[in-house]
Amino acid sequence: MTETMTKDDIIAIIKKNLKENLHDVDVEAIEPTSSMRDHGANSLDIIEVVSATMRELQIRVPRSELSQVENIDQLADKFLEYL
């Protein structure tokens, strides 16, 4: 990925991956301040969304750092740190 990627770009990728894993989620209704669980994601869904997003961004974030993330906005910030 390029260094010009913005937080909004990352949030869009997270939303896309959330949509691919939770087929009944409304992407337009996803607020960055909400958690994936708020949209019906279970633990396995969350792992898949996070993994798919990291693959797409070509980054690796330690699990210990991901455990502190509470919502989509914080997840995007964490991914941005590793770009």
Protein backbone atom coordinates (compact mmCIF):
# COMPACT_ATOMS: atom_id res chain seq x y z
CA MET A 1 0.00 0.00 0.00
CA THR A 2 1.04 3.59 -0.39
CA GLU A 3 1.98 6.08 2.31
CA THR A 4 -0.74 8.40 1.01
CA MET A 5 -3.48 6.19 2.42
CA THR A 6 -5.72 8.08 4.82
CA LYS A 7 -7.64 6.95 7.87
CA ASP A 8 -10.84 7.23 5.81
CA ASP A 9 -9.34 4.88 3.21
CA ILE A 10 -8.55 2.36 5.94
CA ILE A 11 -12.06 2.64 7.41
CA ALA A 12 -13.47 2.00 3.93
CA ILE A 13 -11.39 -1.19 3.66
CA ILE A 14 -12.53 -2.34 7.11
CA LYS A 15 -16.16 -1.69 6.11
CA LYS A 16 -15.70 -3.61 2.85
CA ASN A 17 -14.24 -6.59 4.70
CA LEU A 18 -17.01 -6.38 7.30
CA LYS A 19 -19.58 -6.50 4.49
CA GLU A 20 -17.87 -9.54 2.95
CA ASN A 21 -18.00 -11.42 6.26
CA LEU A 22 -21.40 -10.23 7.53
CA HIS A 23 -23.61 -10.34 4.47
CA ASP A 24 -26.59 -8.66 6.13
CA VAL A 25 -24.69 -5.60 7.40
CA ASP A 26 -25.53 -2.19 5.94
CA VAL A 27 -22.17 -0.57 5.13
CA GLU A 28 -23.74 2.89 5.15
CA ALA A 29 -24.94 2.35 8.72
CA ILE A 30 -21.48 1.48 10.04
CA GLU A 31 -20.17 4.27 12.24
CA PRO A 32 -16.43 4.39 13.02
CA THR A 33 -17.24 4.87 16.71
CA SER A 34 -19.08 1.54 16.81
CA SER A 35 -17.49 -1.84 17.34
CA MET A 36 -17.79 -4.73 14.92
CA ARG A 37 -19.78 -6.57 17.60
CA ASP A 38 -22.36 -3.75 17.42
CA HIS A 39 -23.01 -4.92 13.85
CA GLY A 40 -23.38 -8.59 14.76
CA ALA A 41 -19.80 -9.79 14.30
CA ASN A 42 -18.65 -12.68 16.46
CA SER A 43 -15.04 -13.37 17.45
CA LEU A 44 -14.28 -15.35 14.29
CA ASP A 45 -15.82 -12.64 12.08
CA ILE A 46 -13.68 -10.01 13.78
CA ILE A 47 -10.50 -12.06 13.31
CA GLU A 48 -11.32 -12.54 9.62
CA VAL A 49 -12.06 -8.83 9.06
CA VAL A 50 -8.86 -7.77 10.86
CA SER A 51 -6.75 -10.39 9.03
CA ALA A 52 -8.20 -9.53 5.62
CA THR A 53 -7.64 -5.82 6.21
CA MET A 54 -4.03 -6.37 7.31
CA ARG A 55 -3.40 -8.52 4.21
CA GLU A 56 -4.85 -5.82 2.00
CA LEU A 57 -2.77 -3.12 3.70
CA GLN A 58 0.29 -5.41 3.72
CA ILE A 59 0.95 -4.84 7.42
CA ARG A 60 1.25 -6.93 10.59
CA VAL A 61 0.00 -5.60 13.92
CA PRO A 62 0.83 -7.54 17.12
CA ARG A 63 -2.22 -9.18 18.72
CA SER A 64 -1.33 -7.55 22.03
CA GLU A 65 -1.90 -4.14 20.45
CA LEU A 66 -5.12 -5.22 18.75
CA SER A 67 -6.60 -6.40 22.05
CA GLN A 68 -6.75 -2.78 23.22
CA VAL A 69 -8.90 -1.68 20.26
CA GLU A 70 -12.55 -1.03 21.13
CA ASN A 71 -14.05 0.32 17.89
CA ILE A 72 -13.52 0.68 14.14
CA ASP A 73 -12.02 4.16 14.51
CA GLN A 74 -9.34 2.90 16.92
CA LEU A 75 -8.65 -0.05 14.65
CA ALA A 76 -8.06 2.31 11.72
CA ASP A 77 -5.70 4.41 13.88
CA LYS A 78 -3.76 1.28 14.85
CA PHE A 79 -3.46 0.17 11.22
CA LEU A 80 -2.35 3.69 10.22
CA GLU A 81 0.54 3.45 12.73
CA TYR A 82 1.86 0.41 10.86
CA LEU A 83 1.58 1.72 7.30
